N, C-alpha and C. Protein backbone atom coordinates (compact mmCIF):
# COMPACT_ATOMS: atom_id res chain seq x y z
N MET A 1 128.40 125.58 -8.16
CA MET A 1 128.50 125.89 -6.74
C MET A 1 129.97 125.99 -6.34
N GLY A 2 130.22 126.80 -5.35
CA GLY A 2 131.57 127.01 -4.88
C GLY A 2 132.01 125.95 -3.89
N LYS A 3 133.24 126.02 -3.50
CA LYS A 3 133.75 125.09 -2.51
C LYS A 3 133.17 125.43 -1.16
N LYS A 4 132.87 124.43 -0.39
CA LYS A 4 132.21 124.64 0.89
C LYS A 4 133.21 124.99 1.99
N GLY A 5 133.26 126.26 2.39
CA GLY A 5 134.08 126.69 3.50
C GLY A 5 135.56 126.84 3.22
N LYS A 6 136.01 126.56 2.03
CA LYS A 6 137.44 126.64 1.72
C LYS A 6 137.79 128.06 1.27
N GLY A 7 138.79 128.66 1.90
CA GLY A 7 139.25 129.98 1.49
C GLY A 7 138.37 131.12 1.95
N ARG A 8 137.39 130.86 2.77
CA ARG A 8 136.50 131.91 3.24
C ARG A 8 136.84 132.24 4.69
N LYS A 9 136.73 133.50 5.01
CA LYS A 9 136.99 133.91 6.39
C LYS A 9 135.79 133.56 7.26
N PRO A 10 136.03 133.16 8.50
CA PRO A 10 134.91 132.87 9.39
C PRO A 10 134.23 134.14 9.87
N LYS A 11 133.00 134.02 10.28
CA LYS A 11 132.28 135.15 10.86
C LYS A 11 132.92 135.46 12.21
N SER A 12 132.72 136.66 12.71
CA SER A 12 133.32 137.02 14.00
C SER A 12 132.49 136.49 15.17
N LYS A 13 131.22 136.15 14.91
CA LYS A 13 130.36 135.64 15.96
C LYS A 13 129.41 134.62 15.37
N CYS A 14 129.14 133.55 16.10
CA CYS A 14 128.23 132.51 15.64
C CYS A 14 126.79 133.02 15.71
N CYS A 15 126.02 132.74 14.65
CA CYS A 15 124.64 133.22 14.60
C CYS A 15 123.68 132.28 15.33
N VAL A 16 124.15 131.15 15.83
CA VAL A 16 123.39 130.18 16.62
C VAL A 16 122.20 129.61 15.84
N SER A 17 122.34 129.43 14.53
CA SER A 17 121.27 128.80 13.77
C SER A 17 121.36 127.29 13.97
N LYS A 18 120.24 126.62 13.85
CA LYS A 18 120.22 125.18 14.07
C LYS A 18 121.11 124.45 13.07
N ASP A 19 120.98 124.77 11.79
CA ASP A 19 121.90 124.21 10.79
C ASP A 19 122.99 125.25 10.55
N ARG A 20 124.19 124.95 10.96
CA ARG A 20 125.28 125.91 10.94
C ARG A 20 125.64 126.33 9.52
N CYS A 21 125.90 127.62 9.34
CA CYS A 21 126.28 128.14 8.03
C CYS A 21 127.72 127.72 7.72
N THR A 22 128.16 127.91 6.49
CA THR A 22 129.49 127.47 6.08
C THR A 22 130.59 128.33 6.69
N ARG A 23 130.30 129.54 7.10
CA ARG A 23 131.30 130.43 7.68
C ARG A 23 131.25 130.46 9.21
N CYS A 24 130.48 129.58 9.81
CA CYS A 24 130.34 129.55 11.27
C CYS A 24 131.68 129.19 11.91
N PRO A 25 132.15 129.99 12.87
CA PRO A 25 133.44 129.69 13.49
C PRO A 25 133.45 128.37 14.25
N ILE A 26 132.31 127.98 14.82
CA ILE A 26 132.25 126.71 15.55
C ILE A 26 132.39 125.54 14.58
N ARG A 27 131.71 125.63 13.45
CA ARG A 27 131.79 124.58 12.44
C ARG A 27 133.20 124.50 11.87
N MET A 28 133.80 125.65 11.58
CA MET A 28 135.15 125.66 11.02
C MET A 28 136.17 125.10 12.00
N LEU A 29 135.99 125.35 13.29
CA LEU A 29 136.88 124.81 14.31
C LEU A 29 136.77 123.29 14.34
N LYS A 30 135.55 122.78 14.27
CA LYS A 30 135.31 121.34 14.31
C LYS A 30 135.90 120.65 13.08
N GLU A 31 135.74 121.28 11.90
CA GLU A 31 136.24 120.70 10.66
C GLU A 31 137.75 120.89 10.50
N GLY A 32 138.33 121.80 11.25
CA GLY A 32 139.77 122.06 11.14
C GLY A 32 140.11 123.05 10.04
N THR A 33 139.14 123.83 9.57
CA THR A 33 139.39 124.79 8.51
C THR A 33 139.54 126.21 9.04
N LEU A 34 139.58 126.37 10.34
CA LEU A 34 139.76 127.68 10.95
C LEU A 34 141.19 128.16 10.66
N PRO A 35 141.38 129.42 10.28
CA PRO A 35 142.74 129.91 9.97
C PRO A 35 143.67 129.78 11.19
N PRO A 36 144.96 129.57 10.95
CA PRO A 36 145.90 129.45 12.07
C PRO A 36 145.96 130.76 12.87
N GLY A 37 146.09 130.61 14.18
CA GLY A 37 146.17 131.78 15.05
C GLY A 37 144.81 132.22 15.58
N TYR A 38 143.75 131.47 15.26
CA TYR A 38 142.41 131.80 15.74
C TYR A 38 141.82 130.64 16.50
N THR A 39 140.90 130.95 17.41
CA THR A 39 140.14 129.94 18.13
C THR A 39 138.76 130.52 18.42
N VAL A 40 137.89 129.72 19.02
CA VAL A 40 136.53 130.15 19.32
C VAL A 40 136.31 130.04 20.83
N LYS A 41 135.86 131.13 21.42
CA LYS A 41 135.52 131.15 22.84
C LYS A 41 134.18 131.84 23.00
N LYS A 42 133.26 131.17 23.67
CA LYS A 42 131.92 131.70 23.92
C LYS A 42 131.24 132.13 22.61
N ARG A 43 131.34 131.28 21.59
CA ARG A 43 130.72 131.47 20.28
C ARG A 43 131.27 132.67 19.52
N LYS A 44 132.43 133.20 19.92
CA LYS A 44 133.05 134.33 19.23
C LYS A 44 134.44 133.94 18.76
N LEU A 45 134.80 134.46 17.59
CA LEU A 45 136.13 134.21 17.02
C LEU A 45 137.15 135.05 17.78
N VAL A 46 138.22 134.42 18.24
CA VAL A 46 139.23 135.10 19.05
C VAL A 46 140.60 134.83 18.44
N LYS A 47 141.41 135.87 18.33
CA LYS A 47 142.78 135.71 17.83
C LYS A 47 143.67 135.34 19.01
N LEU A 48 144.47 134.29 18.83
CA LEU A 48 145.38 133.85 19.87
C LEU A 48 146.56 134.80 19.99
N ASP A 49 147.06 134.97 21.20
CA ASP A 49 148.28 135.76 21.35
C ASP A 49 149.47 134.91 20.88
N LYS A 50 150.60 135.51 20.70
CA LYS A 50 151.75 134.83 20.09
C LYS A 50 152.23 133.65 20.93
N LYS A 51 152.20 133.79 22.25
CA LYS A 51 152.66 132.70 23.12
C LYS A 51 151.78 131.47 22.98
N ALA A 52 150.47 131.68 22.98
CA ALA A 52 149.54 130.55 22.87
C ALA A 52 149.64 129.90 21.49
N ALA A 53 149.83 130.69 20.45
CA ALA A 53 149.95 130.16 19.10
C ALA A 53 151.21 129.30 18.97
N LYS A 54 152.32 129.74 19.57
CA LYS A 54 153.55 128.97 19.53
C LYS A 54 153.39 127.67 20.29
N LYS A 55 152.68 127.71 21.42
CA LYS A 55 152.46 126.54 22.25
C LYS A 55 151.66 125.49 21.48
N LEU A 56 150.62 125.94 20.75
CA LEU A 56 149.81 125.02 19.96
C LEU A 56 150.60 124.45 18.79
N ALA A 57 151.40 125.29 18.15
CA ALA A 57 152.20 124.82 17.01
C ALA A 57 153.26 123.81 17.47
N LYS A 58 153.80 124.02 18.63
CA LYS A 58 154.82 123.13 19.16
C LYS A 58 154.21 121.77 19.52
N ALA A 59 152.99 121.79 20.07
CA ALA A 59 152.31 120.55 20.45
C ALA A 59 151.90 119.72 19.24
N ALA A 60 151.63 120.38 18.14
CA ALA A 60 151.18 119.66 16.93
C ALA A 60 152.35 119.15 16.16
């Protein structure tokens, strides 16, 4: 079996299944495995603009 969620791109939209798939953007956000520069809004994967990404990087 492969690694769970490591190195895989998230789906662009959550499929709203009861048991979340390994590529679910909501699950990846919760686990902290979402690629940098991305976030989830209204169950959809959204790319952050440069200002917001810098703001988050500065806060961390």
